[in-house]
Structures are given as structure tokens and as C-alpha cells.
């Protein structure tokens, strides 16, 4: 068995697309999980919006002075994230276990993921104001918590984190997946989303280097894709061999039959 075969694969499941992944998608994921250790990092955007209409309002999203977007996160939002994430985990576990894959859940703030101090200055109603926002950049992942990285078993991570002050904070799930991939030595990071490819000048990109992707990120990418390209750069810097972005089954993405493959060179 080659090193690539047994190397863990990290898959970030976008919160906007989870409910659209059909049975054949999960069948394919389970086949991979039977051969390689699997770590899943999930988002929660759509479940959170279903929980309460306020999460769909523009005021729920802030932009900092550097142009980075963040969900305005208060203790109440953290509690709601925990609620929808527990429900999501139960659903994912059921899908995997029906296909012969055991699974366990990790909440990042329970010692797995640490975060730095968050930005305090945010644009709100066209004014730059100082706000408490329980969001912080990831500073580390402790891989000792992920002890059971073996074929046939999946680890599901809820990407909350704990900062130096002991606060539980929200993090970007794509960048959390990148940090996890680096911490466990994963060769592949797959960002499963609701778009089929990265688009540059309205044309699908099938393969791109990290340098070219970063240049586009800073020049023209917006919103969620900008964060995904930043996460890709961070995963490659941490040792991943490639990052794949797309909406297809894992087999098709890893075989580069669809999606966008980002490599170091």
C-alpha cells in the first residue's frame, strides 16, 4: 500500500451544499473512507439561516478594515452554532454508519483548535466601529486529539476554537480545514462547495498554481471563493500536496475529472 493510499484526506463540507449531496455522493465518500483515514470539517451557513431569519440579514455579516468578511458572532450565535452543528453531526453519522463507516465528532474549541485575537474594527452601516465579535484567526491545531485516524473511521470537526482569553470563538471553516490538513499531514484537502470550478474571467479553471491562485484572490476573487483560495494557500504551505475545489463526488475531484486543482507549482 503506497503512502498516498494511507495518507489522511481532509474534506470540508460546505454548509451551503450539505443537504444537496445525494446518496451516491455519500456512497462514494464511504468507499474512500474504507481505504484512507477521513477527516470531515463542516460548515453551518444554511442550517443556521433555517434556524432563525436574522442569520439571513445583511447586518449578520461584518467586513473588517482589511476587507475580510465575518459573521457577527455573539455568545448567542455560538450557542446556535452548537445547536445546528450537533444536529448536522447526527445526520452525517447516520449517513456514514449506514455505509459501514464509524464516526466520532470533535468540537474544535474543546482543545483541538486554538485561535488568536480577533479584529475589533468593523464596517457597519458605512462606518468603521469597534465591536465585540467572537471570531478569531486559527493559530494552531493539536493533532493529538485525532487519535483514531484509520481506514473505516471518520472524524467530524465542528470548527469552533478557543482563544488565549478562554473564549469560544467562530472560525472560517475552509481555513480550519487547511490547518487540520497541515497538522495531520494530509496530502489532499478537498473543499466541497456549491460551485463546480473556480472561475476566472467567467471561464472554468481546471488546474492552477498556488501563486496564480493567490494573485487572482487579491485581484478579483470575492466572498466565499476568496476565503477558499486563502485556505488553499495555507494548506499547501503547511505541507498538503494539492487542494481541490468543486461540487462533485470525492472520486471525481481527486482524479481531477472535474473541479479546480491547486498545486504548489
Protein backbone atom coordinates (compact mmCIF):
# COMPACT_ATOMS: atom_id res chain seq x y z
CA UNK A 1 0.00 0.00 0.00
CA UNK A 2 1.50 3.35 -1.01
CA UNK A 3 1.97 6.35 1.25
CA UNK A 4 -0.64 8.26 -0.74
CA UNK A 5 -3.18 5.48 -0.15
CA UNK A 6 -2.91 5.65 3.63
CA UNK A 7 -2.41 9.42 3.93
CA UNK A 8 -5.47 11.08 5.51
CA UNK A 9 -7.76 13.08 3.29
CA UNK A 10 -9.45 16.17 4.72
CA UNK A 11 -12.82 17.11 3.25
CA UNK A 12 -14.52 20.38 4.07
CA UNK A 13 -18.28 20.09 3.66
CA UNK A 14 -19.76 23.47 2.81
CA UNK A 15 -22.76 24.42 4.89
CA UNK A 16 -24.47 25.75 1.77
CA UNK A 17 -24.35 22.41 -0.07
CA UNK A 18 -24.60 19.65 2.56
CA UNK A 19 -28.28 18.93 2.07
CA UNK A 20 -27.78 18.73 -1.72
CA UNK A 21 -25.30 15.81 -1.53
CA UNK A 22 -27.25 12.74 -2.61
CA UNK A 23 -26.89 9.08 -1.71
CA UNK A 24 -24.41 8.32 -4.48
CA UNK A 25 -22.15 11.11 -3.20
CA UNK A 26 -22.13 9.54 0.27
CA UNK A 27 -21.62 6.06 -1.22
CA UNK A 28 -18.51 7.36 -2.94
CA UNK A 29 -17.24 9.09 0.21
CA UNK A 30 -17.71 5.89 2.21
CA UNK A 31 -15.65 3.90 -0.31
CA UNK A 32 -12.77 6.34 0.17
CA UNK A 33 -13.20 6.26 3.94
CA UNK A 34 -12.85 2.49 3.80
CA UNK A 35 -9.39 2.87 2.26
CA UNK A 36 -8.00 6.07 3.76
CA UNK A 37 -8.36 7.90 7.08
CA UNK A 38 -11.03 10.56 6.64
CA UNK A 39 -11.42 13.88 8.42
CA UNK A 40 -14.50 15.98 7.71
CA UNK A 41 -14.74 19.66 8.63
CA UNK A 42 -18.23 21.09 8.26
CA UNK A 43 -19.76 24.49 7.74
CA UNK A 44 -23.17 25.56 9.01
CA UNK A 45 -24.35 28.52 6.92
CA UNK A 46 -27.61 27.11 5.56
CA UNK A 47 -28.67 25.29 8.77
CA UNK A 48 -28.08 28.49 10.73
CA UNK A 49 -30.18 30.51 8.30
CA UNK A 50 -33.00 27.98 8.68
CA UNK A 51 -32.79 28.23 12.46
CA UNK A 52 -33.64 31.95 12.52
CA UNK A 53 -34.33 34.61 9.85
CA UNK A 54 -31.86 37.02 11.45
CA UNK A 55 -28.98 34.95 10.07
CA UNK A 56 -30.05 35.85 6.53
CA UNK A 57 -29.98 39.61 7.16
CA UNK A 58 -27.08 41.70 5.77
CA UNK A 59 -26.40 43.00 9.31
CA UNK A 60 -25.40 39.45 10.31
CA UNK A 61 -22.22 39.79 8.24
CA UNK A 62 -19.45 42.27 9.02
CA UNK A 63 -16.48 43.42 6.94
CA UNK A 64 -13.30 44.45 8.71
CA UNK A 65 -10.96 47.28 7.79
CA UNK A 66 -8.90 44.87 5.66
CA UNK A 67 -11.89 43.69 3.62
CA UNK A 68 -12.37 40.31 5.31
CA UNK A 69 -15.94 39.21 5.97
CA UNK A 70 -17.17 37.55 9.13
CA UNK A 71 -20.47 36.51 10.65
CA UNK A 72 -21.15 38.81 13.60
CA UNK A 73 -20.73 36.30 16.41
CA UNK A 74 -22.07 36.85 19.92
CA UNK A 75 -22.41 34.24 22.70
CA UNK A 76 -25.96 33.61 21.47
CA UNK A 77 -24.67 32.91 17.95
CA UNK A 78 -22.09 30.47 19.36
CA UNK A 79 -24.92 28.66 21.16
CA UNK A 80 -26.92 28.47 17.92
CA UNK A 81 -23.88 27.20 16.00
CA UNK A 82 -23.52 24.45 18.59
CA UNK A 83 -27.21 23.55 18.23
CA UNK A 84 -27.22 23.25 14.45
CA UNK A 85 -23.81 21.56 14.41
CA UNK A 86 -24.99 18.82 16.77
CA UNK A 87 -27.98 18.18 14.50
CA UNK A 88 -25.74 18.18 11.44
CA UNK A 89 -23.32 15.73 13.08
CA UNK A 90 -26.16 13.33 13.85
CA UNK A 91 -27.21 13.40 10.19
CA UNK A 92 -23.64 12.85 8.91
CA UNK A 93 -23.07 9.99 11.37
CA UNK A 94 -26.24 8.28 10.19
CA UNK A 95 -25.23 8.56 6.54
CA UNK A 96 -21.76 7.14 7.22
CA UNK A 97 -22.76 4.39 9.62
CA UNK A 98 -25.39 3.06 7.20
CA UNK A 99 -22.49 2.61 4.80
CA UNK A 100 -20.25 0.80 7.27
CA UNK A 101 -18.10 3.75 8.40
CA UNK A 102 -17.87 4.57 12.10
CA UNK A 103 -17.52 8.20 13.11
CA UNK A 104 -16.80 10.48 16.03
CA UNK A 105 -17.25 14.20 16.49
CA UNK A 106 -14.80 16.81 17.75
CA UNK A 107 -15.73 20.38 18.66
CA UNK A 108 -12.64 22.41 17.89
CA UNK A 109 -12.94 24.57 20.99
CA UNK A 110 -12.54 21.51 23.23
CA UNK A 111 -8.75 21.69 22.92
CA UNK A 112 -8.34 20.81 19.24
CA UNK A 113 -8.25 24.29 17.64
CA UNK A 114 -6.73 27.44 19.13
CA UNK A 115 -7.34 30.98 17.88
CA UNK A 116 -5.65 34.33 18.09
CA UNK A 117 -7.06 37.73 18.95
CA UNK A 118 -9.83 38.78 16.60
CA UNK A 119 -10.18 42.03 14.69
CA UNK A 120 -12.14 44.66 16.65
CA UNK A 121 -12.81 47.29 13.97
CA UNK A 122 -15.64 46.52 11.56
CA UNK A 123 -17.66 48.35 8.94
CA UNK A 124 -21.30 48.73 9.94
CA UNK A 125 -23.75 50.97 8.12
CA UNK A 126 -20.82 52.55 6.23
CA UNK A 127 -18.98 53.41 9.44
CA UNK A 128 -15.90 51.81 10.95
CA UNK A 129 -16.85 50.97 14.54
CA UNK A 130 -15.33 48.94 17.37
CA UNK A 131 -17.38 45.81 18.01
CA UNK A 132 -17.05 42.70 20.12
CA UNK A 133 -17.11 39.85 17.63
CA UNK A 134 -16.31 36.32 18.83
CA UNK A 135 -14.21 35.45 15.79
CA UNK A 136 -10.51 34.75 15.69
CA UNK A 137 -7.82 33.53 13.29
CA UNK A 138 -6.62 29.96 13.80
CA UNK A 139 -3.21 29.78 15.44
CA UNK A 140 -2.89 26.03 15.93
CA UNK A 141 -4.39 22.56 15.77
CA UNK A 142 -3.42 19.86 18.28
CA UNK A 143 -3.38 16.60 16.28
CA UNK A 144 -3.08 14.54 19.47
CA UNK A 145 -6.85 14.80 19.79
CA UNK A 146 -7.32 12.95 16.48
CA UNK A 147 -6.03 9.59 17.66
CA UNK A 148 -8.19 7.29 15.56
CA UNK A 149 -7.07 8.17 12.03
CA UNK A 150 -7.60 4.78 10.44
CA UNK A 151 -9.46 3.50 7.37
CA UNK A 152 -13.09 2.73 8.09
CA UNK A 153 -13.43 5.54 10.61
CA UNK A 154 -14.21 9.24 10.11
CA UNK A 155 -13.53 12.23 12.34
CA UNK A 156 -16.03 15.09 12.05
CA UNK A 157 -14.84 18.51 13.24
CA UNK A 158 -17.02 21.46 14.19
CA UNK A 159 -14.64 24.40 13.53
CA UNK A 160 -15.11 26.45 16.66
CA UNK A 161 -11.92 27.42 18.52
CA UNK A 162 -10.67 28.68 21.88
CA UNK A 163 -8.66 31.90 22.17
CA UNK A 164 -6.00 32.82 24.72
CA UNK A 165 -8.63 34.50 26.91
CA UNK A 166 -10.55 31.23 27.09
CA UNK A 167 -13.39 32.44 24.90
CA UNK A 168 -15.08 30.12 22.44
CA UNK A 169 -14.90 31.75 19.01
CA UNK A 170 -16.10 31.25 15.47
CA UNK A 171 -13.53 30.49 12.76
CA UNK A 172 -13.61 30.17 8.99
CA UNK A 173 -14.31 26.51 8.18
CA UNK A 174 -12.22 26.45 4.98
CA UNK A 175 -9.17 27.80 6.79
CA UNK A 176 -9.83 25.48 9.72
CA UNK A 177 -9.78 22.55 7.29
CA UNK A 178 -6.46 23.81 5.90
CA UNK A 179 -4.96 23.99 9.40
CA UNK A 180 -6.21 20.48 10.21
CA UNK A 181 -4.76 19.13 6.96
CA UNK A 182 -1.37 20.57 7.83
CA UNK A 183 -1.47 19.30 11.41
CA UNK A 184 -2.20 15.68 10.47
CA UNK A 185 -0.01 15.52 7.36
CA UNK A 186 -2.83 15.12 4.85
CA UNK A 187 -1.75 15.02 1.21
CA UNK A 188 -5.16 16.17 -0.06
CA UNK A 189 -7.57 18.87 1.05
CA UNK A 190 -10.91 18.85 -0.76
CA UNK A 191 -13.24 21.84 -0.40
CA UNK A 192 -16.72 20.64 -1.34
CA UNK A 193 -18.92 23.57 -2.19
CA UNK A 194 -21.88 24.54 -4.39
CA UNK A 195 -19.79 25.65 -7.38
CA UNK A 196 -18.20 23.30 -9.90
CA UNK A 197 -14.98 25.25 -10.53
CA UNK A 198 -13.04 28.35 -9.77
CA UNK A 199 -13.97 30.88 -12.46
CA UNK A 200 -11.54 33.47 -13.80
CA UNK A 201 -12.96 35.87 -16.40
CA UNK A 202 -16.09 33.66 -16.42
CA UNK A 203 -14.08 30.64 -17.59
CA UNK A 204 -13.69 27.46 -15.50
CA UNK A 205 -10.17 26.79 -14.24
CA UNK A 206 -9.22 23.11 -14.07
CA UNK A 207 -5.68 23.47 -12.68
CA UNK A 208 -3.79 26.42 -11.24
CA UNK A 209 -0.67 27.02 -9.18
CA UNK A 210 -0.83 28.43 -5.68
CA UNK A 211 0.92 31.62 -6.81
CA UNK A 212 -1.55 32.22 -9.64
CA UNK A 213 -4.50 31.45 -7.36
CA UNK A 214 -3.21 33.91 -4.76
CA UNK A 215 -2.78 36.60 -7.41
CA UNK A 216 -6.38 36.13 -8.55
CA UNK A 217 -7.59 36.09 -4.95
CA UNK A 218 -6.07 39.51 -4.32
CA UNK A 219 -7.11 40.87 -7.71
CA UNK A 220 -10.61 39.63 -8.39
CA UNK A 221 -11.96 36.93 -6.09
CA UNK A 222 -14.80 37.84 -3.74
CA UNK A 223 -16.77 36.39 -0.85
CA UNK A 224 -16.53 32.69 -0.17
CA UNK A 225 -14.14 31.94 -3.03
CA UNK A 226 -11.64 34.43 -1.70
CA UNK A 227 -11.57 32.54 1.62
CA UNK A 228 -11.24 29.21 -0.17
CA UNK A 229 -8.23 30.42 -2.12
CA UNK A 230 -6.63 31.70 1.07
CA UNK A 231 -7.31 28.33 2.71
CA UNK A 232 -5.75 26.56 -0.28
CA UNK A 233 -2.58 28.63 0.02
CA UNK A 234 -2.35 27.91 3.74
CA UNK A 235 -2.88 24.16 3.27
CA UNK A 236 -0.12 23.96 0.67
CA UNK A 237 2.22 25.99 2.88
CA UNK A 238 1.54 23.52 5.69
CA UNK A 239 2.52 20.52 3.56
CA UNK A 240 -0.54 19.42 1.57
CA UNK A 241 0.28 18.28 -1.96
CA UNK A 242 -2.87 19.68 -3.56
CA UNK A 243 -6.19 21.31 -2.84
CA UNK A 244 -9.30 20.59 -4.88
CA UNK A 245 -12.38 22.82 -5.03
CA UNK A 246 -15.64 21.57 -6.54
CA UNK A 247 -19.11 20.10 -6.11
CA UNK A 248 -18.66 16.53 -7.41
CA UNK A 249 -18.12 13.16 -5.69
CA UNK A 250 -14.76 12.79 -3.99
CA UNK A 251 -13.52 10.24 -6.56
CA UNK A 252 -14.07 12.67 -9.42
CA UNK A 253 -12.43 15.55 -7.58
CA UNK A 254 -9.35 13.57 -6.55
CA UNK A 255 -8.98 12.19 -10.07
CA UNK A 256 -9.21 15.77 -11.45
CA UNK A 257 -12.11 14.81 -13.71
CA UNK A 258 -13.86 17.95 -12.53
CA UNK A 259 -13.31 20.80 -10.11
CA UNK A 260 -10.24 23.01 -9.76
CA UNK A 261 -6.93 21.52 -8.61
CA UNK A 262 -4.50 23.90 -6.88
CA UNK A 263 -0.88 22.79 -6.59
CA UNK A 264 2.34 24.33 -5.25
CA UNK A 265 3.93 24.64 -8.70
